[in-house]
Amino acid sequence: MERFAATSIKIKNLNPEVALHAMLIALKPEPFVDSLCCESPRDMDELRDRAVGYIQMEEHFAFRDQVRGKGPAKPE
């Protein structure tokens, strides 16, 4: 997400729809992408907020699985 944000800042007058489309193409098909397809973010700030939420959720699940002895401490 940080790399995407850094690159998008360099592009003058970047259309948010183009940025969203680029992100959808680059990401693996997972629940985060599904949520973006179902309900597009209003702006880049909302997109970043939603990404952070999903990242935290994945980290929580990875920690939970580690505590239960089911996998590594960090998501892949």
N, C-alpha and C. Protein backbone atom coordinates (compact mmCIF):
# COMPACT_ATOMS: atom_id res chain seq x y z
N MET A 1 0.82 -1.18 0.00
CA MET A 1 0.00 0.00 0.00
C MET A 1 0.87 1.25 0.00
N GLU A 2 1.96 1.22 0.75
CA GLU A 2 2.86 2.38 0.79
C GLU A 2 3.47 2.65 -0.57
N ARG A 3 3.86 1.60 -1.27
CA ARG A 3 4.46 1.76 -2.60
C ARG A 3 3.44 2.34 -3.57
N PHE A 4 2.20 1.87 -3.50
CA PHE A 4 1.14 2.38 -4.37
C PHE A 4 0.90 3.86 -4.08
N ALA A 5 0.84 4.22 -2.81
CA ALA A 5 0.61 5.62 -2.43
C ALA A 5 1.76 6.50 -2.91
N ALA A 6 2.99 6.04 -2.75
CA ALA A 6 4.15 6.83 -3.17
C ALA A 6 4.14 7.05 -4.68
N THR A 7 3.77 6.03 -5.43
CA THR A 7 3.71 6.16 -6.88
C THR A 7 2.56 7.06 -7.31
N SER A 8 1.41 6.91 -6.68
CA SER A 8 0.26 7.72 -7.08
C SER A 8 0.46 9.20 -6.78
N ILE A 9 1.25 9.52 -5.77
CA ILE A 9 1.53 10.92 -5.45
C ILE A 9 2.35 11.57 -6.56
N LYS A 10 3.19 10.80 -7.21
CA LYS A 10 4.05 11.34 -8.28
C LYS A 10 3.27 11.68 -9.54
N ILE A 11 2.07 11.15 -9.69
CA ILE A 11 1.27 11.37 -10.90
C ILE A 11 0.35 12.57 -10.67
N LYS A 12 0.55 13.60 -11.48
CA LYS A 12 -0.26 14.81 -11.33
C LYS A 12 -1.68 14.55 -11.83
N ASN A 13 -2.65 15.07 -11.09
CA ASN A 13 -4.07 14.98 -11.45
C ASN A 13 -4.52 13.54 -11.71
N LEU A 14 -4.08 12.65 -10.88
CA LEU A 14 -4.46 11.24 -11.03
C LEU A 14 -5.95 11.08 -10.76
N ASN A 15 -6.64 10.52 -11.71
CA ASN A 15 -8.07 10.26 -11.57
C ASN A 15 -8.24 9.11 -10.57
N PRO A 16 -9.05 9.31 -9.52
CA PRO A 16 -9.23 8.24 -8.52
C PRO A 16 -9.75 6.93 -9.11
N GLU A 17 -10.57 7.02 -10.16
CA GLU A 17 -11.08 5.81 -10.79
C GLU A 17 -9.96 5.02 -11.45
N VAL A 18 -9.02 5.74 -12.05
CA VAL A 18 -7.87 5.08 -12.68
C VAL A 18 -6.99 4.43 -11.61
N ALA A 19 -6.79 5.13 -10.51
CA ALA A 19 -5.99 4.58 -9.41
C ALA A 19 -6.64 3.31 -8.85
N LEU A 20 -7.95 3.35 -8.66
CA LEU A 20 -8.66 2.18 -8.14
C LEU A 20 -8.55 1.01 -9.12
N HIS A 21 -8.72 1.29 -10.40
CA HIS A 21 -8.61 0.24 -11.41
C HIS A 21 -7.22 -0.38 -11.39
N ALA A 22 -6.19 0.45 -11.30
CA ALA A 22 -4.81 -0.06 -11.25
C ALA A 22 -4.60 -0.94 -10.03
N MET A 23 -5.17 -0.56 -8.91
CA MET A 23 -5.03 -1.35 -7.69
C MET A 23 -5.75 -2.68 -7.83
N LEU A 24 -6.95 -2.67 -8.40
CA LEU A 24 -7.71 -3.90 -8.56
C LEU A 24 -6.97 -4.90 -9.44
N ILE A 25 -6.31 -4.40 -10.47
CA ILE A 25 -5.57 -5.28 -11.37
C ILE A 25 -4.34 -5.86 -10.67
N ALA A 26 -3.70 -5.07 -9.82
CA ALA A 26 -2.45 -5.49 -9.18
C ALA A 26 -2.66 -6.45 -8.02
N LEU A 27 -3.81 -6.40 -7.36
CA LEU A 27 -4.04 -7.21 -6.17
C LEU A 27 -4.52 -8.61 -6.49
N LYS A 28 -4.22 -9.54 -5.60
CA LYS A 28 -4.72 -10.90 -5.70
C LYS A 28 -6.22 -10.89 -5.41
N PRO A 29 -6.97 -11.80 -6.02
CA PRO A 29 -8.40 -11.87 -5.72
C PRO A 29 -8.63 -12.41 -4.31
N GLU A 30 -8.92 -11.52 -3.40
CA GLU A 30 -9.17 -11.85 -2.00
C GLU A 30 -10.33 -10.99 -1.50
N PRO A 31 -10.74 -11.16 -0.25
CA PRO A 31 -11.89 -10.41 0.27
C PRO A 31 -11.76 -8.89 0.12
N PHE A 32 -10.55 -8.34 0.23
CA PHE A 32 -10.38 -6.90 0.09
C PHE A 32 -10.78 -6.44 -1.31
N VAL A 33 -10.33 -7.15 -2.32
CA VAL A 33 -10.67 -6.81 -3.70
C VAL A 33 -12.17 -6.97 -3.91
N ASP A 34 -12.74 -8.03 -3.36
CA ASP A 34 -14.19 -8.23 -3.47
C ASP A 34 -14.95 -7.04 -2.89
N SER A 35 -14.49 -6.55 -1.74
CA SER A 35 -15.19 -5.42 -1.11
C SER A 35 -15.06 -4.16 -1.96
N LEU A 36 -13.91 -3.97 -2.61
CA LEU A 36 -13.74 -2.80 -3.47
C LEU A 36 -14.63 -2.89 -4.70
N CYS A 37 -14.80 -4.10 -5.22
CA CYS A 37 -15.67 -4.27 -6.39
C CYS A 37 -17.14 -4.05 -6.02
N CYS A 38 -17.53 -4.47 -4.83
CA CYS A 38 -18.92 -4.31 -4.40
C CYS A 38 -19.25 -2.86 -4.09
N GLU A 39 -18.34 -2.18 -3.43
CA GLU A 39 -18.57 -0.79 -3.05
C GLU A 39 -17.28 0.00 -3.22
N SER A 40 -17.22 0.78 -4.29
CA SER A 40 -16.01 1.56 -4.58
C SER A 40 -15.81 2.64 -3.53
N PRO A 41 -14.57 2.88 -3.16
CA PRO A 41 -14.29 3.96 -2.19
C PRO A 41 -14.57 5.33 -2.82
N ARG A 42 -14.95 6.29 -2.00
CA ARG A 42 -15.26 7.64 -2.49
C ARG A 42 -14.00 8.39 -2.91
N ASP A 43 -12.89 8.12 -2.22
CA ASP A 43 -11.65 8.83 -2.52
C ASP A 43 -10.46 7.97 -2.08
N MET A 44 -9.27 8.49 -2.33
CA MET A 44 -8.06 7.74 -2.00
C MET A 44 -7.89 7.54 -0.49
N ASP A 45 -8.36 8.49 0.30
CA ASP A 45 -8.26 8.34 1.75
C ASP A 45 -9.10 7.15 2.23
N GLU A 46 -10.30 7.03 1.69
CA GLU A 46 -11.14 5.89 2.08
C GLU A 46 -10.52 4.58 1.61
N LEU A 47 -9.92 4.59 0.43
CA LEU A 47 -9.24 3.40 -0.08
C LEU A 47 -8.12 2.98 0.87
N ARG A 48 -7.31 3.93 1.30
CA ARG A 48 -6.22 3.62 2.23
C ARG A 48 -6.76 3.12 3.57
N ASP A 49 -7.82 3.77 4.07
CA ASP A 49 -8.41 3.34 5.34
C ASP A 49 -8.92 1.90 5.26
N ARG A 50 -9.58 1.57 4.17
CA ARG A 50 -10.10 0.22 4.02
C ARG A 50 -8.96 -0.79 3.88
N ALA A 51 -7.91 -0.41 3.17
CA ALA A 51 -6.75 -1.31 3.03
C ALA A 51 -6.12 -1.57 4.39
N VAL A 52 -5.96 -0.53 5.19
CA VAL A 52 -5.38 -0.69 6.53
C VAL A 52 -6.24 -1.63 7.37
N GLY A 53 -7.55 -1.48 7.28
CA GLY A 53 -8.45 -2.35 8.03
C GLY A 53 -8.28 -3.82 7.65
N TYR A 54 -8.18 -4.09 6.35
CA TYR A 54 -8.00 -5.48 5.92
C TYR A 54 -6.63 -6.01 6.29
N ILE A 55 -5.60 -5.16 6.23
CA ILE A 55 -4.27 -5.59 6.64
C ILE A 55 -4.26 -5.97 8.11
N GLN A 56 -4.89 -5.15 8.94
CA GLN A 56 -4.96 -5.45 10.38
C GLN A 56 -5.73 -6.73 10.63
N MET A 57 -6.78 -6.95 9.87
CA MET A 57 -7.58 -8.16 10.03
C MET A 57 -6.74 -9.40 9.67
N GLU A 58 -5.97 -9.32 8.57
CA GLU A 58 -5.12 -10.45 8.19
C GLU A 58 -4.06 -10.72 9.25
N GLU A 59 -3.48 -9.66 9.79
CA GLU A 59 -2.47 -9.83 10.84
C GLU A 59 -3.08 -10.45 12.09
N HIS A 60 -4.30 -10.05 12.43
CA HIS A 60 -4.99 -10.63 13.58
C HIS A 60 -5.24 -12.12 13.36
N PHE A 61 -5.71 -12.49 12.17
CA PHE A 61 -5.96 -13.90 11.87
C PHE A 61 -4.68 -14.71 11.92
N ALA A 62 -3.58 -14.14 11.41
CA ALA A 62 -2.29 -14.84 11.43
C ALA A 62 -1.83 -15.04 12.87
N PHE A 63 -1.98 -14.03 13.71
CA PHE A 63 -1.60 -14.15 15.12
C PHE A 63 -2.46 -15.20 15.82
N ARG A 64 -3.76 -15.15 15.56
CA ARG A 64 -4.67 -16.13 16.16
C ARG A 64 -4.26 -17.55 15.77
N ASP A 65 -3.94 -17.74 14.49
CA ASP A 65 -3.55 -19.07 14.03
C ASP A 65 -2.23 -19.51 14.65
N GLN A 66 -1.31 -18.56 14.85
CA GLN A 66 -0.04 -18.89 15.48
C GLN A 66 -0.27 -19.33 16.93
N VAL A 67 -1.13 -18.61 17.64
CA VAL A 67 -1.43 -18.94 19.03
C VAL A 67 -2.06 -20.33 19.11
N ARG A 68 -2.89 -20.64 18.15
CA ARG A 68 -3.53 -21.95 18.12
C ARG A 68 -2.61 -23.04 17.57
N GLY A 69 -1.43 -22.64 17.10
CA GLY A 69 -0.48 -23.60 16.57
C GLY A 69 -0.76 -24.06 15.16
N LYS A 70 -1.42 -23.20 14.37
CA LYS A 70 -1.80 -23.60 13.02
C LYS A 70 -0.94 -23.01 11.92
N GLY A 71 -0.02 -22.13 12.22
CA GLY A 71 0.74 -21.56 11.12
C GLY A 71 1.77 -20.55 11.56
N PRO A 72 2.37 -19.86 10.58
CA PRO A 72 3.41 -18.87 10.88
C PRO A 72 2.84 -17.63 11.55
N ALA A 73 3.71 -16.82 12.11
CA ALA A 73 3.29 -15.63 12.84
C ALA A 73 2.81 -14.52 11.93
N LYS A 74 3.28 -14.48 10.67
CA LYS A 74 2.92 -13.39 9.77
C LYS A 74 2.20 -13.95 8.55
N PRO A 75 1.28 -13.15 7.97
CA PRO A 75 0.60 -13.61 6.75
C PRO A 75 1.58 -13.63 5.59
N GLU A 76 1.28 -14.43 4.59
CA GLU A 76 2.17 -14.56 3.43
C GLU A 76 2.03 -13.38 2.51
